Amino acid sequence: MPDVHNDQAMAHLYATDPGFAVQVLNDVLENGDSGELLITLRQLTRAFGGVQTVADKAQLNPTQLYRTLSAEGNPTLNSLRAVLKAMGLQLAVQPIAVPPIKAQPIAVPPIKAQPNKAQPNKARKLLNTAAEAPKPARKKPLRALATPAAKARAAR
């Protein structure tokens, strides 16, 4: 079982020196395991007013947050982001200080384009046939058939 006095002492340190809290959290994220992360998050939660206060700011259920930060907890990315945001912190991704691997270019043979002469002729034929197509006969407007006299004329 974790030392309660140690948790209180660390919470006090985090509350008085937020820069130290960020340093410790980044170190745990980089080199620690999930158990150490949960311990650090519990201590930070205590430093920022306790589970109830952080849960309210993070818009999480306090019981859910308590369980999430327990030794058996497994916080989701959303709850982790919400808790850190409630503490004025955020997750960030940065490159590892390892020399980059130089990518080797892949030799791709050039593709020779084959001229297709049939396509332009086909397009011209389609345009010519569209221009030569007969236009549809114009129909009488419906207004002319609407009156009884027009209907009688149309019936003759």
C-alpha atoms as a PDB file:
ATOM      1  CA  MET A   1       0.000   0.000   0.000  1.00  0.00           C
ATOM      2  CA  PRO A   2       1.402   3.438  -0.886  1.00  0.00           C
ATOM      3  CA  ASP A   3       2.638   5.644   1.901  1.00  0.00           C
ATOM      4  CA  VAL A   4      -0.122   8.190   2.618  1.00  0.00           C
ATOM      5  CA  HIS A   5       2.371  10.631   4.104  1.00  0.00           C
ATOM      6  CA  ASN A   6       4.481  10.452   0.944  1.00  0.00           C
ATOM      7  CA  ASP A   7       1.391  11.160  -1.182  1.00  0.00           C
ATOM      8  CA  GLN A   8       0.577  14.186   0.998  1.00  0.00           C
ATOM      9  CA  ALA A   9       4.154  15.459   0.804  1.00  0.00           C
ATOM     10  CA  MET A  10       4.265  15.057  -2.979  1.00  0.00           C
ATOM     11  CA  ALA A  11       0.872  16.733  -3.348  1.00  0.00           C
ATOM     12  CA  HIS A  12       2.191  19.673  -1.318  1.00  0.00           C
ATOM     13  CA  LEU A  13       5.312  19.878  -3.530  1.00  0.00           C
ATOM     14  CA  TYR A  14       3.186  19.795  -6.697  1.00  0.00           C
ATOM     15  CA  ALA A  15       0.842  22.463  -5.357  1.00  0.00           C
ATOM     16  CA  THR A  16       3.690  24.809  -4.466  1.00  0.00           C
ATOM     17  CA  ASP A  17       5.790  24.146  -7.592  1.00  0.00           C
ATOM     18  CA  PRO A  18       3.678  23.350 -10.691  1.00  0.00           C
ATOM     19  CA  GLY A  19       6.840  23.296 -12.840  1.00  0.00           C
ATOM     20  CA  PHE A  20       8.165  20.431 -10.730  1.00  0.00           C
ATOM     21  CA  ALA A  21       4.841  18.636 -11.156  1.00  0.00           C
ATOM     22  CA  VAL A  22       5.135  18.934 -14.937  1.00  0.00           C
ATOM     23  CA  GLN A  23       8.725  17.672 -14.811  1.00  0.00           C
ATOM     24  CA  VAL A  24       7.781  14.630 -12.722  1.00  0.00           C
ATOM     25  CA  LEU A  25       4.758  13.831 -14.881  1.00  0.00           C
ATOM     26  CA  ASN A  26       6.801  14.047 -18.097  1.00  0.00           C
ATOM     27  CA  ASP A  27       9.478  11.821 -16.564  1.00  0.00           C
ATOM     28  CA  VAL A  28       6.889   9.231 -15.552  1.00  0.00           C
ATOM     29  CA  LEU A  29       5.323   9.336 -19.024  1.00  0.00           C
ATOM     30  CA  GLU A  30       8.734   8.878 -20.625  1.00  0.00           C
ATOM     31  CA  ASN A  31      10.349   6.319 -18.321  1.00  0.00           C
ATOM     32  CA  GLY A  32       7.717   4.973 -15.939  1.00  0.00           C
ATOM     33  CA  ASP A  33       4.969   2.417 -16.101  1.00  0.00           C
ATOM     34  CA  SER A  34       1.197   2.780 -15.776  1.00  0.00           C
ATOM     35  CA  GLY A  35       1.314   2.186 -12.006  1.00  0.00           C
ATOM     36  CA  GLU A  36       3.697   5.105 -11.499  1.00  0.00           C
ATOM     37  CA  LEU A  37       1.528   7.252 -13.757  1.00  0.00           C
ATOM     38  CA  LEU A  38      -1.552   6.500 -11.647  1.00  0.00           C
ATOM     39  CA  ILE A  39       0.310   7.294  -8.406  1.00  0.00           C
ATOM     40  CA  THR A  40       1.535  10.597  -9.844  1.00  0.00           C
ATOM     41  CA  LEU A  41      -1.959  11.461 -11.107  1.00  0.00           C
ATOM     42  CA  ARG A  42      -3.460  10.701  -7.665  1.00  0.00           C
ATOM     43  CA  GLN A  43      -0.871  12.968  -6.040  1.00  0.00           C
ATOM     44  CA  LEU A  44      -1.543  15.704  -8.607  1.00  0.00           C
ATOM     45  CA  THR A  45      -5.284  15.334  -8.022  1.00  0.00           C
ATOM     46  CA  ARG A  46      -4.736  15.874  -4.319  1.00  0.00           C
ATOM     47  CA  ALA A  47      -2.545  18.920  -5.089  1.00  0.00           C
ATOM     48  CA  PHE A  48      -5.282  20.440  -7.248  1.00  0.00           C
ATOM     49  CA  GLY A  49      -8.007  20.183  -4.595  1.00  0.00           C
ATOM     50  CA  GLY A  50      -8.887  16.509  -4.431  1.00  0.00           C
ATOM     51  CA  VAL A  51     -10.951  14.060  -6.432  1.00  0.00           C
ATOM     52  CA  GLN A  52     -14.239  15.977  -6.078  1.00  0.00           C
ATOM     53  CA  THR A  53     -12.745  19.299  -7.256  1.00  0.00           C
ATOM     54  CA  VAL A  54     -10.833  17.789 -10.183  1.00  0.00           C
ATOM     55  CA  ALA A  55     -13.840  15.658 -11.186  1.00  0.00           C
ATOM     56  CA  ASP A  56     -16.064  18.749 -11.235  1.00  0.00           C
ATOM     57  CA  LYS A  57     -13.576  20.698 -13.356  1.00  0.00           C
ATOM     58  CA  ALA A  58     -13.051  17.706 -15.679  1.00  0.00           C
ATOM     59  CA  GLN A  59     -16.815  17.073 -15.872  1.00  0.00           C
ATOM     60  CA  LEU A  60     -16.329  13.480 -14.710  1.00  0.00           C
ATOM     61  CA  ASN A  61     -18.149  11.432 -12.118  1.00  0.00           C
ATOM     62  CA  PRO A  62     -16.088  11.596  -8.858  1.00  0.00           C
ATOM     63  CA  THR A  63     -16.567   7.860  -8.206  1.00  0.00           C
ATOM     64  CA  GLN A  64     -15.421   7.076 -11.734  1.00  0.00           C
ATOM     65  CA  LEU A  65     -12.360   9.307 -11.304  1.00  0.00           C
ATOM     66  CA  TYR A  66     -11.537   7.690  -7.952  1.00  0.00           C
ATOM     67  CA  ARG A  67     -11.689   4.230  -9.561  1.00  0.00           C
ATOM     68  CA  THR A  68      -9.732   5.400 -12.602  1.00  0.00           C
ATOM     69  CA  LEU A  69      -6.894   6.670 -10.413  1.00  0.00           C
ATOM     70  CA  SER A  70      -6.865   3.599  -8.155  1.00  0.00           C
ATOM     71  CA  ALA A  71      -4.050   1.051  -8.349  1.00  0.00           C
ATOM     72  CA  GLU A  72      -6.218  -1.134 -10.627  1.00  0.00           C
ATOM     73  CA  GLY A  73      -7.366   1.841 -12.716  1.00  0.00           C
ATOM     74  CA  ASN A  74      -6.945   2.093 -16.438  1.00  0.00           C
ATOM     75  CA  PRO A  75      -7.734   5.639 -17.561  1.00  0.00           C
ATOM     76  CA  THR A  76      -8.980   6.191 -21.076  1.00  0.00           C
ATOM     77  CA  LEU A  77      -7.346   8.835 -23.203  1.00  0.00           C
ATOM     78  CA  ASN A  78     -10.453  11.027 -22.875  1.00  0.00           C
ATOM     79  CA  SER A  79     -10.504  10.871 -19.077  1.00  0.00           C
ATOM     80  CA  LEU A  80      -6.728  11.432 -18.894  1.00  0.00           C
ATOM     81  CA  ARG A  81      -7.027  14.491 -21.126  1.00  0.00           C
ATOM     82  CA  ALA A  82      -9.968  15.815 -19.077  1.00  0.00           C
ATOM     83  CA  VAL A  83      -8.129  15.364 -15.767  1.00  0.00           C
ATOM     84  CA  LEU A  84      -4.962  17.019 -17.056  1.00  0.00           C
ATOM     85  CA  LYS A  85      -6.976  19.880 -18.553  1.00  0.00           C
ATOM     86  CA  ALA A  86      -8.701  20.402 -15.188  1.00  0.00           C
ATOM     87  CA  MET A  87      -5.202  20.770 -13.727  1.00  0.00           C
ATOM     88  CA  GLY A  88      -4.148  23.231 -16.437  1.00  0.00           C
ATOM     89  CA  LEU A  89      -1.984  20.632 -18.196  1.00  0.00           C
ATOM     90  CA  GLN A  90      -2.111  18.780 -21.507  1.00  0.00           C
ATOM     91  CA  LEU A  91      -0.573  15.800 -23.227  1.00  0.00           C
ATOM     92  CA  ALA A  92       1.919  16.532 -25.974  1.00  0.00           C
ATOM     93  CA  VAL A  93       3.867  14.468 -28.459  1.00  0.00           C
ATOM     94  CA  GLN A  94       7.465  15.255 -29.251  1.00  0.00           C
ATOM     95  CA  PRO A  95      10.172  13.476 -31.188  1.00  0.00           C
ATOM     96  CA  ILE A  96      12.598  11.228 -29.372  1.00  0.00           C
ATOM     97  CA  ALA A  97      16.177  12.483 -29.412  1.00  0.00           C
ATOM     98  CA  VAL A  98      17.362   9.712 -31.746  1.00  0.00           C
ATOM     99  CA  PRO A  99      19.049  10.430 -35.057  1.00  0.00           C
ATOM    100  CA  PRO A 100      16.477  10.124 -37.822  1.00  0.00           C
ATOM    101  CA  ILE A 101      16.671   7.227 -40.228  1.00  0.00           C
ATOM    102  CA  LYS A 102      17.440   8.393 -43.732  1.00  0.00           C
ATOM    103  CA  ALA A 103      14.893   7.121 -46.178  1.00  0.00           C
ATOM    104  CA  GLN A 104      16.311   5.302 -49.168  1.00  0.00           C
ATOM    105  CA  PRO A 105      14.783   6.388 -52.467  1.00  0.00           C
ATOM    106  CA  ILE A 106      12.985   3.676 -54.360  1.00  0.00           C
ATOM    107  CA  ALA A 107      13.771   3.406 -58.063  1.00  0.00           C
ATOM    108  CA  VAL A 108      10.548   3.365 -60.026  1.00  0.00           C
ATOM    109  CA  PRO A 109      10.793   2.769 -63.771  1.00  0.00           C
ATOM    110  CA  PRO A 110       9.212   5.527 -65.833  1.00  0.00           C
ATOM    111  CA  ILE A 111       5.863   4.782 -67.417  1.00  0.00           C
ATOM    112  CA  LYS A 112       5.758   5.361 -71.162  1.00  0.00           C
ATOM    113  CA  ALA A 113       2.578   7.019 -72.267  1.00  0.00           C
ATOM    114  CA  GLN A 114       0.954   5.431 -75.286  1.00  0.00           C
ATOM    115  CA  PRO A 115      -0.773   8.022 -77.445  1.00  0.00           C
ATOM    116  CA  ASN A 116      -4.385   7.073 -78.021  1.00  0.00           C
ATOM    117  CA  LYS A 117      -5.606   8.698 -81.212  1.00  0.00           C
ATOM    118  CA  ALA A 118      -9.058   7.123 -81.102  1.00  0.00           C
ATOM    119  CA  GLN A 119     -10.211   9.153 -78.119  1.00  0.00           C
ATOM    120  CA  PRO A 120     -10.142  12.640 -79.730  1.00  0.00           C
ATOM    121  CA  ASN A 121     -12.015  11.330 -82.788  1.00  0.00           C
ATOM    122  CA  LYS A 122     -14.625   9.706 -80.572  1.00  0.00           C
ATOM    123  CA  ALA A 123     -15.163  12.987 -78.744  1.00  0.00           C
ATOM    124  CA  ARG A 124     -15.548  14.869 -82.038  1.00  0.00           C
ATOM    125  CA  LYS A 125     -18.113  12.350 -83.291  1.00  0.00           C
ATOM    126  CA  LEU A 126     -20.135  12.697 -80.083  1.00  0.00           C
ATOM    127  CA  LEU A 127     -20.133  16.477 -80.386  1.00  0.00           C
ATOM    128  CA  ASN A 128     -21.175  16.372 -84.055  1.00  0.00           C
ATOM    129  CA  THR A 129     -24.007  13.911 -83.461  1.00  0.00           C
ATOM    130  CA  ALA A 130     -25.294  15.993 -80.570  1.00  0.00           C
ATOM    131  CA  ALA A 131     -25.376  19.088 -82.767  1.00  0.00           C
ATOM    132  CA  GLU A 132     -27.146  17.228 -85.593  1.00  0.00           C
ATOM    133  CA  ALA A 133     -29.770  15.587 -83.387  1.00  0.00           C
ATOM    134  CA  PRO A 134     -33.333  16.723 -84.117  1.00  0.00           C
ATOM    135  CA  LYS A 135     -34.881  18.953 -81.523  1.00  0.00           C
ATOM    136  CA  PRO A 136     -38.004  17.625 -79.784  1.00  0.00           C
ATOM    137  CA  ALA A 137     -41.358  19.015 -80.911  1.00  0.00           C
ATOM    138  CA  ARG A 138     -42.695  21.788 -78.774  1.00  0.00           C
ATOM    139  CA  LYS A 139     -45.694  20.834 -76.720  1.00  0.00           C
ATOM    140  CA  LYS A 140     -48.660  23.097 -76.077  1.00  0.00           C
ATOM    141  CA  PRO A 141     -48.564  24.844 -72.743  1.00  0.00           C
ATOM    142  CA  LEU A 142     -50.833  23.351 -70.118  1.00  0.00           C
ATOM    143  CA  ARG A 143     -52.559  26.693 -69.589  1.00  0.00           C
ATOM    144  CA  ALA A 144     -54.253  26.448 -72.966  1.00  0.00           C
ATOM    145  CA  LEU A 145     -55.990  23.188 -72.000  1.00  0.00           C
ATOM    146  CA  ALA A 146     -57.138  24.442 -68.628  1.00  0.00           C
ATOM    147  CA  THR A 147     -60.285  26.293 -69.816  1.00  0.00           C
ATOM    148  CA  PRO A 148     -63.471  24.431 -70.931  1.00  0.00           C
ATOM    149  CA  ALA A 149     -63.387  26.113 -74.378  1.00  0.00           C
ATOM    150  CA  ALA A 150     -59.816  25.004 -74.942  1.00  0.00           C
ATOM    151  CA  LYS A 151     -60.723  21.441 -73.971  1.00  0.00           C
ATOM    152  CA  ALA A 152     -63.583  21.446 -76.496  1.00  0.00           C
ATOM    153  CA  ARG A 153     -61.237  22.720 -79.256  1.00  0.00           C
ATOM    154  CA  ALA A 154     -58.691  20.039 -78.441  1.00  0.00           C
ATOM    155  CA  ALA A 155     -61.351  17.307 -78.572  1.00  0.00           C
ATOM    156  CA  ARG A 156     -62.436  18.242 -82.164  1.00  0.00           C
END
